[in-house]
Amino acid sequence: MAISSGIRRPRRCMRCSQAEIIVYGHTHKPLIELVDRTVTVMNPGGGRHPRFRLKPGVGIMELEAGIPPRARLVPLG
C-alpha cells in the first residue's frame, strides 16, 4: 500500500502515483472520499484555531492488512 501526504491537489496526485491513501490538509476543509472504489482521500481538517468558519477537528484512519481503510472525522471542542 502506498501512502501520500502533504499535497494540495489530491486528484492530480492520483494520476501520477499508485497511492491507495491520500491525506492532505492545505484547505483545512474536512473530507473523506472514496475515489474509483480504490483510493481513500482524506483531509482531516484543522486541529487548532478555526479557519474559514470551520470548527476544529481531526481525522482518524485505521489501517489493517487485507481490510479497506476505515476513516472518520472527529470534531473538537
Protein backbone atom coordinates (compact mmCIF):
# COMPACT_ATOMS: atom_id res chain seq x y z
CA MET A 1 0.00 0.00 0.00
CA ALA A 2 1.42 3.38 -0.97
CA ILE A 3 0.59 6.41 1.16
CA SER A 4 0.91 10.02 0.04
CA SER A 5 0.57 13.10 2.22
CA GLY A 6 1.08 16.85 2.26
CA ILE A 7 -0.40 17.62 -1.15
CA ARG A 8 -2.65 20.42 -2.33
CA ARG A 9 -4.46 18.69 -5.19
CA PRO A 10 -5.28 15.07 -4.35
CA ARG A 11 -6.86 14.22 -7.72
CA ARG A 12 -3.70 15.35 -9.52
CA CYS A 13 -1.66 13.10 -7.22
CA MET A 14 -3.91 10.16 -8.10
CA ARG A 15 -2.95 10.48 -11.76
CA CYS A 16 0.77 10.36 -11.03
CA SER A 17 1.09 7.75 -8.30
CA GLN A 18 -0.09 4.34 -7.23
CA ALA A 19 -1.26 5.62 -3.83
CA GLU A 20 -4.20 3.89 -2.21
CA ILE A 21 -4.49 6.52 0.53
CA ILE A 22 -4.09 10.26 0.03
CA VAL A 23 -4.07 12.55 3.08
CA TYR A 24 -3.87 16.28 2.56
CA GLY A 25 -4.65 19.34 4.66
CA HIS A 26 -3.96 22.51 2.75
CA THR A 27 -7.62 23.61 2.58
CA HIS A 28 -8.47 22.79 6.23
CA LYS A 29 -11.86 21.54 4.95
CA PRO A 30 -12.66 18.09 6.41
CA LEU A 31 -13.24 15.39 3.81
CA ILE A 32 -13.34 11.63 3.47
CA GLU A 33 -13.95 10.33 -0.03
CA LEU A 34 -13.57 7.00 -1.78
CA VAL A 35 -12.50 7.61 -5.38
CA ASP A 36 -12.88 4.94 -8.05
CA ARG A 37 -13.65 2.43 -5.27
CA THR A 38 -9.91 2.03 -4.62
CA VAL A 39 -8.38 5.29 -3.36
CA THR A 40 -9.25 6.77 0.03
CA VAL A 41 -8.83 10.55 0.09
CA MET A 42 -8.83 12.31 3.45
CA ASN A 43 -8.45 15.86 4.68
CA PRO A 44 -8.57 15.75 8.48
CA GLY A 45 -9.42 19.46 8.75
CA GLY A 46 -7.70 21.82 11.14
CA GLY A 47 -6.98 20.77 14.70
CA ARG A 48 -6.35 24.23 16.14
CA HIS A 49 -7.90 27.63 15.63
CA PRO A 50 -10.95 27.75 13.36
CA ARG A 51 -10.28 28.85 9.79
CA PHE A 52 -12.78 29.73 7.12
CA ARG A 53 -15.54 29.47 9.78
CA LEU A 54 -14.87 25.74 10.13
CA LYS A 55 -14.82 24.14 13.56
CA PRO A 56 -11.57 22.42 14.64
CA GLY A 57 -11.38 18.68 14.13
CA VAL A 58 -9.11 15.74 13.47
CA GLY A 59 -9.22 12.66 11.30
CA ILE A 60 -8.64 9.10 12.44
CA MET A 61 -7.79 6.35 9.98
CA GLU A 62 -7.43 2.71 10.97
CA LEU A 63 -5.25 0.54 8.75
CA GLU A 64 -5.17 -3.24 8.85
CA ALA A 65 -3.68 -5.58 6.27
CA GLY A 66 -6.25 -7.05 3.90
CA ILE A 67 -9.07 -4.72 5.04
CA PRO A 68 -10.02 -1.42 3.38
CA PRO A 69 -9.04 1.64 5.47
CA ARG A 70 -11.60 2.83 8.00
CA ALA A 71 -11.66 6.58 8.48
CA ARG A 72 -13.68 9.09 10.43
CA LEU A 73 -13.68 12.80 11.18
CA VAL A 74 -13.87 13.86 14.82
CA PRO A 75 -14.96 17.42 15.75
CA LEU A 76 -13.05 19.03 18.63
CA GLY A 77 -14.42 21.21 21.37
